Amino acid sequence: MSVAALAALAGYNAIRAKRAIASLTCGRMMAIDGLRLHFIEAGTGMPLLLLHGNGSMAEDFKSSGVFDEAAKTYRVLAFDRPGFGRSSRSRTRRWSACDQADLIHAAAGRLGIKKYLVLGHSWGAWIALELARRHSSSVAGIVLVSGYYYPPPRLDLALAALPALPVIGTGFRHTLLPLLVRLAWPWAMEKIFRPAMIASDFAASAKDAASRPSQLRAVCSESASMLAAALSKKASYKDISVPTGILAGSGDRLFDAERDARRLHAEVGGSLLEVIPGAGHMVHQSAPQAVVGMVHTISARHALSQSNRRQRGKLRADEFKPGPAPQMSRRATSDAACTRSSFKRAFQMSDQRPANMHSVLHQNIEALVEHRRQQEEHQSVQVRIAGAISRFAGSMTFVYLHLAILVAWILANLGAIPAIPAWDPTFVILAMVASVEAIFLSTFVLINQNRMAEHSERRAELDLQISLLNEHETTRLIEMVAALAARLNVSTPADKELRQLAENVDPRKVMTQIQQASEDQQKA
C-alpha cells in the first residue's frame, strides 16, 4: 500500500513538473558540453549575461523587470544554468562555479560574443567572479547582487545536500521532497524577500518549477558545492581586475549579505558598493532600478577605460611621428604649466583625508573585522563544523525542524498516517535518538564555549596591555607637565599629588593587593 502511494505521488509530481516547465518562457536551446543549455534573449548593444541563483531560473529576471529594462540598452541573455529551468544537467559532472563559468563563456563564444557584461545573483554572483578571474579578457565588467562570497559552514547546507545522494535521495526527490517544498514555499518566500514585499508574480510562477525533481537535484548538488567551499580555504578576490559593482540588501535574512559585500568591496580594488535599505536577499526583485543603474555605471566605467586606453595608444603613436616638434608660445607654455599645477594640487587635495574621530573609528573597526576574518580563516575544519552545528542548534530553524520531525514521528507511529507503517510504536527509538542527539549537541556547545573562552581571555589580556600602555603614557605626560611648571615657576594646589601620580604602577603589586583583599573578604 505504501509503495503504491509513493508511486502515485511520484506520478503526480511528474505531471505538475511538466505543467510547470510548459508555463515558462521558451527561448533558444543550445547543445554544448554534453547538455542542453536554455537561454532567453532580447535587445541590442553590449551583451549582458544574466546568471540566476540556486533554486531559481532565467524567468526570475523576467518577472523582476530587470530583463526588459536592461534590454532597452543591452543585448540581454538570461541563462538557465545546468539543471535549472529548461536546461539539463549531466550526472557525471559536479558543475562547480568554475565549470559553469567555463560553460557560460563557451556559450557566449558560440554566439559570436567576444566582450560581455555579467550580472549574477546569489550563487550566480560566484560564477560571475569566476568568469572575471578565468576569462578577464572577455569580461567588460561584473555586477554582483546578494552574492555568497565567503560561505561559512552551515548545517542546513549539509541537510539540503542529502537528497543529492543516489538511490535513496532519488526516491525522496521524486516523492516526498516536492510536496515538502510546496508546503514550505510561503516560509521560503518570507525568508528570501523580507523585510521587503514579496513579489506575488514570482512566488506564484516559481513554486511548481522550483519543486520539480530534476531542479531539486541541481539545488541539492549546488548546496553540496557551497558546503565544500565553506569547509575549504577561503578564496581571495584581490586578483579581480575588471570593473565591479556590488549590491546587497541591508535586511538579508538568508545570510549577512551586507557584511560579505563590504568585505568584498574592501578586497576588490576600485569596486563600487551599494547597500539597498529595507531589501532582503532578492534585491533584483525589490529594487530592479538600482540593479540596472549599477549595470549602467559599470558599463560606463568599461567604456571610459577603453577610451583612455585608445587615447594613450594614440599619444604613444604621436610621439614617434617624424617631423619638427610644434613650438609653443610663452603664454601657451605658461598656461600648460598652470594647468599641470592645478591638476597636481587637485589630486593632492583629494588624497588628503582628515584624521578626525570618525576616520580613526572607521580604521579601528576595519582592523577588528580584518583580525576576526584572519582568525576564522585559520580555524580547522573540526572547529568550523562544531561552530556551525552550535549556531544551527541555537536557531529557530532547529526548533521548527525538530517540531516537524517529532509530530510526524508520533503521528506515523500512532497509525494516523495510513501510508506509512509504524516502526516505533513504544517510542523507545525516539527516546534513544533524542538522548544521543542531546549528548552530541552538548559536546558541540562545550567546544564552542571553550573557543569563546579563549577569545575572551585574549581580549582581556589585550585590554590589560592597553591599560598599562595608557598608564605609562599618562605618567610621561605628567612628568612633562611638571617639568614645564617647574621651569616656568608655576605652582598649583595639585603639586603635592604630581610626585605620586608620576610614579609607574606595578601591575604585580596591584594584582597582589586585589587577591589579598579578596581573601580577606572571604575570611570575614
Protein backbone atom coordinates (compact mmCIF):
# COMPACT_ATOMS: atom_id res chain seq x y z
CA MET A 1 0.00 0.00 0.00
CA SER A 2 2.77 2.42 0.97
CA VAL A 3 4.72 1.62 -2.22
CA ALA A 4 1.62 2.26 -4.33
CA ALA A 5 1.02 5.56 -2.55
CA LEU A 6 4.61 6.70 -3.15
CA ALA A 7 4.36 5.67 -6.81
CA ALA A 8 1.14 7.66 -7.17
CA LEU A 9 2.80 10.65 -5.52
CA ALA A 10 5.76 10.39 -7.90
CA GLY A 11 3.39 10.34 -10.88
CA TYR A 12 1.51 13.35 -9.54
CA ASN A 13 4.80 15.26 -9.11
CA ALA A 14 5.84 14.37 -12.67
CA ILE A 15 2.57 15.75 -14.07
CA ARG A 16 2.98 19.00 -12.12
CA ALA A 17 6.60 19.27 -13.30
CA LYS A 18 5.56 19.02 -16.97
CA ARG A 19 2.90 21.67 -16.49
CA ALA A 20 5.39 23.94 -14.71
CA ILE A 21 8.03 23.67 -17.44
CA ALA A 22 5.42 24.33 -20.13
CA SER A 23 4.43 27.60 -18.44
CA LEU A 24 7.99 29.01 -18.55
CA THR A 25 9.21 31.38 -21.24
CA CYS A 26 10.58 29.39 -24.17
CA GLY A 27 13.76 30.87 -25.62
CA ARG A 28 16.66 29.32 -27.52
CA MET A 29 18.30 25.97 -26.85
CA MET A 30 22.00 25.24 -27.38
CA ALA A 31 23.70 21.83 -27.29
CA ILE A 32 27.06 22.41 -25.61
CA ASP A 33 29.43 20.45 -23.37
CA GLY A 34 27.12 17.44 -23.20
CA LEU A 35 23.96 19.25 -22.10
CA ARG A 36 21.08 21.34 -23.42
CA LEU A 37 21.56 24.97 -22.35
CA HIS A 38 18.47 27.17 -22.50
CA PHE A 39 18.53 30.97 -22.60
CA ILE A 40 16.21 33.86 -23.44
CA GLU A 41 17.47 36.84 -25.43
CA ALA A 42 16.32 40.37 -26.25
CA GLY A 43 17.71 43.80 -27.12
CA THR A 44 20.79 45.06 -28.95
CA GLY A 45 24.07 46.63 -27.87
CA MET A 46 26.76 45.48 -25.44
CA PRO A 47 25.98 41.85 -24.44
CA LEU A 48 24.80 41.41 -20.83
CA LEU A 49 24.71 37.87 -19.40
CA LEU A 50 22.28 37.22 -16.52
CA LEU A 51 23.02 34.36 -14.10
CA HIS A 52 20.40 33.38 -11.52
CA GLY A 53 20.91 31.95 -8.04
CA ASN A 54 20.48 28.49 -6.56
CA GLY A 55 16.88 27.24 -6.85
CA SER A 56 15.85 29.90 -9.36
CA MET A 57 15.89 30.19 -13.17
CA ALA A 58 16.16 32.72 -16.02
CA GLU A 59 12.46 33.52 -15.61
CA ASP A 60 13.43 35.22 -12.34
CA PHE A 61 14.94 38.16 -14.24
CA LYS A 62 11.84 38.42 -16.44
CA SER A 63 9.43 38.66 -13.53
CA SER A 64 11.60 41.22 -11.73
CA GLY A 65 11.64 43.58 -14.71
CA VAL A 66 15.45 43.63 -14.88
CA PHE A 67 15.46 41.71 -18.17
CA ASP A 68 13.08 44.01 -20.04
CA GLU A 69 14.57 47.21 -18.62
CA ALA A 70 18.12 46.19 -19.47
CA ALA A 71 17.07 45.06 -22.96
CA LYS A 72 16.36 48.72 -23.81
CA THR A 73 20.12 49.35 -23.77
CA TYR A 74 21.91 45.99 -23.98
CA ARG A 75 21.74 42.66 -25.77
CA VAL A 76 20.48 40.67 -22.78
CA LEU A 77 20.91 36.89 -22.46
CA ALA A 78 19.43 35.21 -19.38
CA PHE A 79 20.67 31.64 -18.97
CA ASP A 80 19.03 28.69 -17.25
CA ARG A 81 22.11 27.28 -15.51
CA PRO A 82 22.67 23.47 -15.67
CA GLY A 83 19.71 21.64 -14.12
CA PHE A 84 17.51 24.73 -13.72
CA GLY A 85 14.58 25.84 -15.84
CA ARG A 86 14.72 24.18 -19.26
CA SER A 87 18.45 23.35 -19.13
CA SER A 88 19.63 19.79 -18.50
CA ARG A 89 22.37 18.72 -16.08
CA SER A 90 24.63 15.73 -16.61
CA ARG A 91 25.11 13.40 -13.66
CA THR A 92 28.77 12.72 -14.42
CA ARG A 93 29.99 16.27 -13.61
CA ARG A 94 29.91 18.21 -10.37
CA TRP A 95 29.30 21.53 -12.15
CA SER A 96 31.24 23.74 -9.77
CA ALA A 97 31.33 27.54 -10.14
CA CYS A 98 34.48 27.20 -12.27
CA ASP A 99 32.83 24.59 -14.53
CA GLN A 100 29.77 26.78 -15.03
CA ALA A 101 31.91 29.86 -15.70
CA ASP A 102 33.71 27.98 -18.48
CA LEU A 103 30.36 26.75 -19.83
CA ILE A 104 28.82 30.24 -19.98
CA HIS A 105 31.97 31.65 -21.60
CA ALA A 106 31.93 28.89 -24.23
CA ALA A 107 28.23 29.54 -24.89
CA ALA A 108 28.94 33.25 -25.39
CA GLY A 109 31.73 32.37 -27.82
CA ARG A 110 29.39 30.05 -29.72
CA LEU A 111 27.07 33.04 -30.18
CA GLY A 112 29.90 35.17 -31.53
CA ILE A 113 30.16 37.30 -28.38
CA LYS A 114 33.73 38.38 -27.60
CA LYS A 115 33.14 41.00 -24.89
CA TYR A 116 30.30 40.98 -22.39
CA LEU A 117 29.00 42.26 -19.06
CA VAL A 118 27.84 39.78 -16.39
CA LEU A 119 25.11 40.20 -13.78
CA GLY A 120 24.98 37.42 -11.18
CA HIS A 121 22.60 36.94 -8.25
CA SER A 122 23.47 34.85 -5.16
CA TRP A 123 25.25 31.70 -6.42
CA GLY A 124 25.28 33.29 -9.89
CA ALA A 125 27.45 36.09 -8.43
CA TRP A 126 30.07 33.49 -7.54
CA ILE A 127 30.06 32.29 -11.15
CA ALA A 128 30.40 35.91 -12.32
CA LEU A 129 33.51 36.26 -10.15
CA GLU A 130 34.97 33.10 -11.67
CA LEU A 131 34.25 34.47 -15.16
CA ALA A 132 36.12 37.66 -14.25
CA ARG A 133 39.02 35.61 -12.90
CA ARG A 134 39.27 32.94 -15.60
CA HIS A 135 38.21 34.97 -18.67
CA SER A 136 39.07 38.55 -17.74
CA SER A 137 39.96 39.49 -21.33
CA SER A 138 36.34 38.84 -22.38
CA VAL A 139 34.57 40.31 -19.35
CA ALA A 140 33.83 44.04 -19.62
CA GLY A 141 32.53 44.23 -16.06
CA ILE A 142 30.53 42.35 -13.43
CA VAL A 143 27.56 43.28 -11.23
CA LEU A 144 27.16 41.11 -8.12
CA VAL A 145 23.82 41.01 -6.31
CA SER A 146 23.44 39.37 -2.86
CA GLY A 147 26.49 37.22 -3.55
CA TYR A 148 27.62 34.35 -1.34
CA TYR A 149 31.34 35.22 -1.44
CA TYR A 150 32.61 33.93 1.92
CA PRO A 151 30.32 31.00 2.85
CA PRO A 152 30.56 29.80 6.46
CA PRO A 153 29.94 26.10 7.15
CA ARG A 154 26.24 25.65 7.92
CA LEU A 155 24.38 22.54 8.98
CA ASP A 156 21.38 23.44 6.81
CA LEU A 157 23.65 23.18 3.74
CA ALA A 158 24.59 19.64 4.75
CA LEU A 159 20.92 18.72 5.21
CA ALA A 160 19.99 20.32 1.88
CA ALA A 161 22.72 18.31 0.12
CA LEU A 162 21.47 14.92 1.36
CA PRO A 163 18.76 14.46 -1.34
CA ALA A 164 21.53 14.58 -3.96
CA LEU A 165 22.65 11.11 -2.84
CA PRO A 166 21.88 8.28 -5.29
CA VAL A 167 19.07 5.72 -4.82
CA ILE A 168 17.53 6.97 -1.53
CA GLY A 169 17.96 10.61 -2.50
CA THR A 170 16.48 9.95 -5.94
CA GLY A 171 13.38 8.35 -4.47
CA PHE A 172 12.98 11.15 -1.95
CA ARG A 173 13.28 13.83 -4.67
CA HIS A 174 10.55 12.23 -6.79
CA THR A 175 8.06 11.57 -3.97
CA LEU A 176 8.07 13.47 -0.68
CA LEU A 177 10.53 16.33 -1.27
CA PRO A 178 8.43 18.20 -3.92
CA LEU A 179 5.45 18.05 -1.57
CA LEU A 180 7.53 19.39 1.33
CA VAL A 181 8.91 22.21 -0.85
CA ARG A 182 5.42 23.29 -1.85
CA LEU A 183 4.22 23.19 1.76
CA ALA A 184 7.22 25.27 2.93
CA TRP A 185 7.02 27.69 -0.01
CA PRO A 186 5.35 30.58 1.93
CA TRP A 187 8.06 30.34 4.61
CA ALA A 188 10.78 30.26 1.94
CA MET A 189 9.37 33.40 0.31
CA GLU A 190 9.38 35.17 3.67
CA LYS A 191 12.99 34.11 4.17
CA ILE A 192 14.35 35.41 0.87
CA PHE A 193 12.18 38.54 0.37
CA ARG A 194 11.67 40.07 3.81
CA PRO A 195 11.86 42.80 5.03
CA ALA A 196 10.78 43.89 1.52
CA MET A 197 7.44 42.99 0.00
CA ILE A 198 7.09 39.51 -1.52
CA ALA A 199 6.80 39.61 -5.33
CA SER A 200 3.49 37.80 -5.88
CA ASP A 201 4.22 37.07 -9.57
CA PHE A 202 7.48 35.32 -8.75
CA ALA A 203 6.03 33.45 -5.78
CA ALA A 204 3.16 32.08 -7.89
CA SER A 205 5.08 31.25 -11.07
CA ALA A 206 8.19 29.72 -9.50
CA LYS A 207 6.50 27.43 -6.98
CA ASP A 208 5.90 24.40 -9.20
CA ALA A 209 9.02 24.94 -11.31
CA ALA A 210 11.25 25.04 -8.23
CA SER A 211 9.73 21.85 -6.81
CA ARG A 212 10.44 19.70 -9.90
CA PRO A 213 12.58 16.62 -9.08
CA SER A 214 15.18 17.49 -11.74
CA GLN A 215 15.62 21.04 -10.41
CA LEU A 216 15.73 19.79 -6.83
CA ARG A 217 18.69 17.58 -7.78
CA ALA A 218 20.52 20.67 -9.08
CA VAL A 219 19.63 22.61 -5.91
CA CYS A 220 20.93 19.82 -3.66
CA SER A 221 24.11 19.42 -5.73
CA GLU A 222 24.89 23.13 -5.52
CA SER A 223 24.19 23.10 -1.78
CA ALA A 224 26.85 20.40 -1.51
CA SER A 225 29.23 22.60 -3.54
CA MET A 226 28.56 25.53 -1.22
CA LEU A 227 29.28 23.34 1.82
CA ALA A 228 32.53 22.12 0.24
CA ALA A 229 33.57 25.71 -0.44
CA ALA A 230 32.74 26.67 3.14
CA LEU A 231 34.94 23.90 4.55
CA SER A 232 37.84 24.64 2.22
CA LYS A 233 40.28 27.54 2.38
CA LYS A 234 38.60 30.89 1.75
CA ALA A 235 39.13 32.27 -1.74
CA SER A 236 40.82 35.60 -2.36
CA TYR A 237 39.35 38.10 -4.80
CA LYS A 238 42.25 40.54 -4.91
CA ASP A 239 43.06 39.40 -8.46
CA ILE A 240 39.72 40.64 -9.85
CA SER A 241 40.69 43.47 -12.20
CA VAL A 242 37.52 44.17 -14.20
CA PRO A 243 35.04 46.95 -13.24
CA THR A 244 32.96 45.55 -10.39
CA GLY A 245 29.65 46.66 -8.87
CA ILE A 246 28.35 45.11 -5.64
CA LEU A 247 24.78 45.29 -4.31
CA ALA A 248 23.34 43.83 -1.13
CA GLY A 249 20.16 44.14 0.90
CA SER A 250 20.52 45.58 4.39
CA GLY A 251 17.93 43.14 5.75
CA ASP A 252 19.02 39.90 4.06
CA ARG A 253 17.77 37.05 6.29
CA LEU A 254 19.43 34.24 4.36
CA PHE A 255 22.93 35.31 5.47
CA ASP A 256 24.77 38.53 6.32
CA ALA A 257 24.98 39.77 2.73
CA GLU A 258 25.92 43.33 3.71
CA ARG A 259 28.93 42.16 5.73
CA ASP A 260 30.14 39.95 2.85
CA ALA A 261 29.57 42.78 0.36
CA ARG A 262 31.61 45.25 2.40
CA ARG A 263 34.38 42.72 2.81
CA LEU A 264 34.46 42.03 -0.93
CA HIS A 265 34.38 45.79 -1.65
CA ALA A 266 37.49 46.23 0.50
CA GLU A 267 39.22 43.34 -1.27
CA VAL A 268 38.43 44.21 -4.92
CA GLY A 269 40.23 47.41 -5.82
CA GLY A 270 38.13 50.13 -7.45
CA SER A 271 34.84 48.30 -6.89
CA LEU A 272 31.54 50.09 -6.24
CA LEU A 273 29.24 49.18 -3.36
CA GLU A 274 25.55 49.96 -2.85
CA VAL A 275 23.58 48.63 0.12
CA ILE A 276 19.82 48.75 -0.54
CA PRO A 277 17.97 49.71 2.68
CA GLY A 278 14.93 47.61 3.50
CA ALA A 279 15.76 44.90 0.95
CA GLY A 280 16.26 41.20 1.57
CA HIS A 281 18.05 38.58 -0.48
CA MET A 282 16.01 39.21 -3.66
CA VAL A 283 17.38 42.70 -4.31
CA HIS A 284 16.76 42.45 -8.07
CA GLN A 285 13.07 41.80 -7.37
CA SER A 286 12.72 44.53 -4.73
CA ALA A 287 14.92 47.21 -6.34
CA PRO A 288 15.30 46.41 -10.07
CA GLN A 289 16.08 50.04 -10.96
CA ALA A 290 19.07 50.06 -8.60
CA VAL A 291 20.39 46.87 -10.20
CA VAL A 292 20.02 48.20 -13.75
CA GLY A 293 21.53 51.50 -12.64
CA MET A 294 24.62 49.68 -11.37
CA VAL A 295 24.85 47.87 -14.74
CA HIS A 296 24.84 51.27 -16.49
CA THR A 297 27.58 52.53 -14.16
CA ILE A 298 29.84 49.51 -14.72
CA SER A 299 29.25 49.70 -18.49
CA ALA A 300 30.23 53.40 -18.44
CA ARG A 301 33.37 52.57 -16.49
CA HIS A 302 34.33 49.99 -19.10
CA ALA A 303 33.70 52.47 -21.93
CA LEU A 304 35.80 55.10 -20.14
CA SER A 305 38.70 52.68 -19.61
CA GLN A 306 38.56 51.68 -23.28
CA SER A 307 38.54 55.34 -24.33
CA ASN A 308 41.52 56.13 -22.10
CA ARG A 309 43.37 53.12 -23.48
CA ARG A 310 42.80 54.25 -27.07
CA GLN A 311 43.84 57.80 -26.16
CA ARG A 312 47.08 56.56 -24.58
CA GLY A 313 47.77 54.48 -27.67
CA LYS A 314 47.20 57.50 -29.90
CA LEU A 315 49.52 59.64 -27.79
CA ARG A 316 52.24 56.99 -27.93
CA ALA A 317 51.83 56.80 -31.71
CA ASP A 318 52.12 60.60 -31.99
CA GLU A 319 55.35 60.56 -30.01
CA PHE A 320 57.04 58.52 -32.72
CA LYS A 321 55.80 60.54 -35.69
CA PRO A 322 58.68 62.14 -37.66
CA GLY A 323 58.91 65.88 -38.22
CA PRO A 324 59.69 69.02 -36.25
CA ALA A 325 58.06 69.40 -32.89
CA PRO A 326 55.47 72.18 -32.71
CA GLN A 327 56.66 75.31 -30.96
CA MET A 328 54.60 76.69 -28.12
CA SER A 329 54.37 80.34 -27.25
CA ARG A 330 55.39 81.59 -23.83
CA ARG A 331 51.79 82.14 -22.87
CA ALA A 332 50.82 78.65 -24.01
CA THR A 333 53.74 77.20 -22.06
CA SER A 334 52.72 79.15 -19.00
CA ASP A 335 49.07 78.06 -19.32
CA ALA A 336 50.11 74.41 -19.65
CA ALA A 337 52.30 74.72 -16.56
CA CYS A 338 49.44 76.31 -14.64
CA THR A 339 47.11 73.54 -15.77
CA ARG A 340 49.56 70.85 -14.63
CA SER A 341 49.99 72.67 -11.33
CA SER A 342 46.22 72.90 -10.85
CA PHE A 343 45.75 69.18 -11.53
CA LYS A 344 48.59 68.37 -9.16
CA ARG A 345 47.07 70.46 -6.37
CA ALA A 346 43.64 68.91 -7.04
CA PHE A 347 44.96 65.37 -6.74
CA GLN A 348 46.94 66.27 -3.63
CA MET A 349 43.83 67.72 -2.04
CA SER A 350 41.76 64.67 -2.97
CA ASP A 351 44.34 62.36 -1.37
CA GLN A 352 44.33 64.26 1.92
CA ARG A 353 41.89 62.70 4.35
CA PRO A 354 41.10 64.47 7.59
CA ALA A 355 42.27 62.43 10.53
CA ASN A 356 39.12 63.11 12.55
CA MET A 357 37.48 60.90 15.11
CA HIS A 358 35.18 59.29 12.51
CA SER A 359 38.05 58.17 10.27
CA VAL A 360 40.03 56.82 13.24
CA LEU A 361 36.97 54.92 14.45
CA HIS A 362 36.42 53.52 10.94
CA GLN A 363 40.05 52.36 10.76
CA ASN A 364 39.75 50.65 14.15
CA ILE A 365 36.57 48.84 13.10
CA GLU A 366 38.19 47.68 9.85
CA ALA A 367 41.23 46.42 11.79
CA LEU A 368 39.00 44.42 14.15
CA VAL A 369 36.98 42.96 11.26
CA GLU A 370 40.16 42.00 9.41
CA HIS A 371 41.61 40.39 12.55
CA ARG A 372 38.42 38.38 13.07
CA ARG A 373 38.44 37.30 9.41
CA GLN A 374 42.03 36.08 9.70
CA GLN A 375 41.15 34.11 12.82
CA GLU A 376 38.22 32.45 11.01
CA GLU A 377 40.43 31.55 8.03
CA HIS A 378 42.97 29.81 10.27
CA GLN A 379 40.35 27.72 12.05
CA SER A 380 40.48 23.98 11.47
CA VAL A 381 37.70 22.11 9.71
CA GLN A 382 36.64 20.47 13.00
CA VAL A 383 36.26 23.84 14.73
CA ARG A 384 34.23 25.23 11.80
CA ILE A 385 31.90 22.23 11.84
CA ALA A 386 31.42 22.49 15.62
CA GLY A 387 30.67 26.21 15.34
CA ALA A 388 28.20 25.69 12.50
CA ILE A 389 26.33 22.98 14.41
CA SER A 390 26.22 25.13 17.56
CA ARG A 391 24.83 28.11 15.63
CA PHE A 392 22.21 25.95 13.92
CA ALA A 393 21.22 24.29 17.22
CA GLY A 394 20.61 27.75 18.70
CA SER A 395 18.30 28.93 15.91
CA MET A 396 14.52 28.82 15.48
CA THR A 397 15.01 26.78 12.31
CA PHE A 398 16.37 23.99 14.52
CA VAL A 399 13.28 24.23 16.72
CA TYR A 400 10.85 24.15 13.77
CA LEU A 401 12.69 21.22 12.16
CA HIS A 402 12.61 19.15 15.34
CA LEU A 403 8.99 20.04 15.97
CA ALA A 404 8.04 18.84 12.47
CA ILE A 405 10.05 15.60 12.85
CA LEU A 406 8.58 14.96 16.31
CA VAL A 407 4.97 15.48 15.18
CA ALA A 408 5.48 13.33 12.06
CA TRP A 409 7.17 10.58 14.12
CA ILE A 410 4.35 10.50 16.69
CA LEU A 411 1.53 10.60 14.11
CA ALA A 412 3.13 7.87 11.98
CA ASN A 413 3.64 5.52 14.93
CA LEU A 414 0.14 6.14 16.26
CA GLY A 415 -1.27 4.99 12.90
CA ALA A 416 -2.58 8.42 11.91
CA ILE A 417 -0.79 8.21 8.52
CA PRO A 418 -2.03 5.03 6.77
CA ALA A 419 0.57 5.18 4.00
CA ILE A 420 3.45 4.85 6.48
CA PRO A 421 3.72 1.72 8.70
CA ALA A 422 4.60 2.16 12.38
CA TRP A 423 8.25 1.46 13.17
CA ASP A 424 8.41 2.71 16.80
CA PRO A 425 5.05 2.06 18.50
CA THR A 426 6.56 2.26 22.02
CA PHE A 427 8.67 5.37 21.18
CA VAL A 428 11.80 3.71 22.57
CA ILE A 429 13.78 4.54 19.42
CA LEU A 430 12.64 8.16 19.63
CA ALA A 431 13.87 8.42 23.21
CA MET A 432 17.21 6.85 22.30
CA VAL A 433 17.71 9.18 19.31
CA ALA A 434 16.86 12.21 21.46
CA SER A 435 19.34 11.14 24.15
CA VAL A 436 22.17 10.55 21.69
CA GLU A 437 21.45 13.85 19.96
CA ALA A 438 21.49 15.69 23.30
CA ILE A 439 24.90 14.22 24.13
CA PHE A 440 26.39 15.29 20.80
CA LEU A 441 24.80 18.73 20.90
CA SER A 442 26.09 19.45 24.41
CA THR A 443 29.57 18.36 23.28
CA PHE A 444 29.47 20.76 20.32
CA VAL A 445 28.22 23.54 22.58
CA LEU A 446 31.07 22.92 25.03
CA ILE A 447 33.61 23.00 22.19
CA ASN A 448 32.18 26.33 21.04
CA GLN A 449 32.17 27.70 24.60
CA ASN A 450 35.82 26.72 25.09
CA ARG A 451 36.74 28.56 21.90
CA MET A 452 34.79 31.63 23.04
CA ALA A 453 36.53 31.47 26.44
CA GLU A 454 39.90 31.51 24.69
CA HIS A 455 38.86 34.59 22.73
CA SER A 456 37.65 36.26 25.94
CA GLU A 457 40.99 35.61 27.64
CA ARG A 458 42.85 37.11 24.68
CA ARG A 459 40.63 40.18 24.73
CA ALA A 460 41.16 40.55 28.48
CA GLU A 461 44.93 40.35 28.03
CA LEU A 462 44.70 42.93 25.24
CA ASP A 463 42.65 45.24 27.48
CA LEU A 464 45.26 44.87 30.24
CA GLN A 465 48.11 45.68 27.88
CA ILE A 466 46.27 48.74 26.55
CA SER A 467 45.54 49.92 30.12
CA LEU A 468 49.21 49.53 31.11
CA LEU A 469 50.27 51.40 27.98
CA ASN A 470 47.81 54.21 28.74
CA GLU A 471 49.08 54.41 32.32
CA HIS A 472 52.68 54.59 31.11
CA GLU A 473 51.86 57.35 28.60
CA THR A 474 49.86 59.29 31.21
CA THR A 475 52.82 59.11 33.60
CA ARG A 476 55.15 60.53 30.97
CA LEU A 477 52.69 63.37 30.26
CA ILE A 478 52.52 64.21 33.96
CA GLU A 479 56.32 64.31 34.13
CA MET A 480 56.42 66.65 31.12
CA VAL A 481 53.78 68.96 32.64
CA ALA A 482 55.60 69.01 35.99
CA ALA A 483 58.89 69.87 34.27
CA LEU A 484 57.22 72.70 32.34
CA ALA A 485 55.59 74.05 35.52
CA ALA A 486 58.92 73.97 37.38
CA ARG A 487 60.72 75.72 34.52
CA LEU A 488 58.06 78.45 34.35
CA ASN A 489 57.96 78.67 38.18
CA VAL A 490 54.24 77.95 38.24
CA SER A 491 52.71 76.35 41.33
CA THR A 492 49.27 74.77 41.71
CA PRO A 493 47.41 73.11 44.60
CA ALA A 494 47.90 69.76 42.81
CA ASP A 495 51.73 69.93 43.05
CA LYS A 496 51.72 67.63 46.09
CA GLU A 497 49.95 64.91 44.09
CA LEU A 498 52.15 65.15 40.98
CA ARG A 499 55.03 63.20 42.52
CA GLN A 500 52.70 60.36 43.42
CA LEU A 501 50.92 60.43 40.06
CA ALA A 502 54.25 60.42 38.20
CA GLU A 503 55.19 57.05 39.69
CA ASN A 504 54.69 53.98 37.46
CA VAL A 505 52.15 51.50 38.77
CA ASP A 506 53.49 47.97 39.19
CA PRO A 507 50.72 45.62 37.93
CA ARG A 508 52.05 42.75 40.07
CA LYS A 509 51.56 44.78 43.26
CA VAL A 510 48.04 45.70 42.15
CA MET A 511 47.17 42.05 41.48
CA THR A 512 48.62 41.03 44.85
CA GLN A 513 46.55 43.64 46.68
CA ILE A 514 43.38 42.61 44.81
CA GLN A 515 43.99 38.96 45.67
CA GLN A 516 44.72 39.82 49.32
CA ALA A 517 41.54 41.90 49.56
CA SER A 518 39.52 39.05 48.06
CA GLU A 519 40.94 36.54 50.54
CA ASP A 520 40.26 38.88 53.48
CA GLN A 521 36.67 39.31 52.33
CA GLN A 522 36.19 35.53 52.14
CA LYS A 523 37.58 35.05 55.65
CA ALA A 524 35.29 37.74 57.01
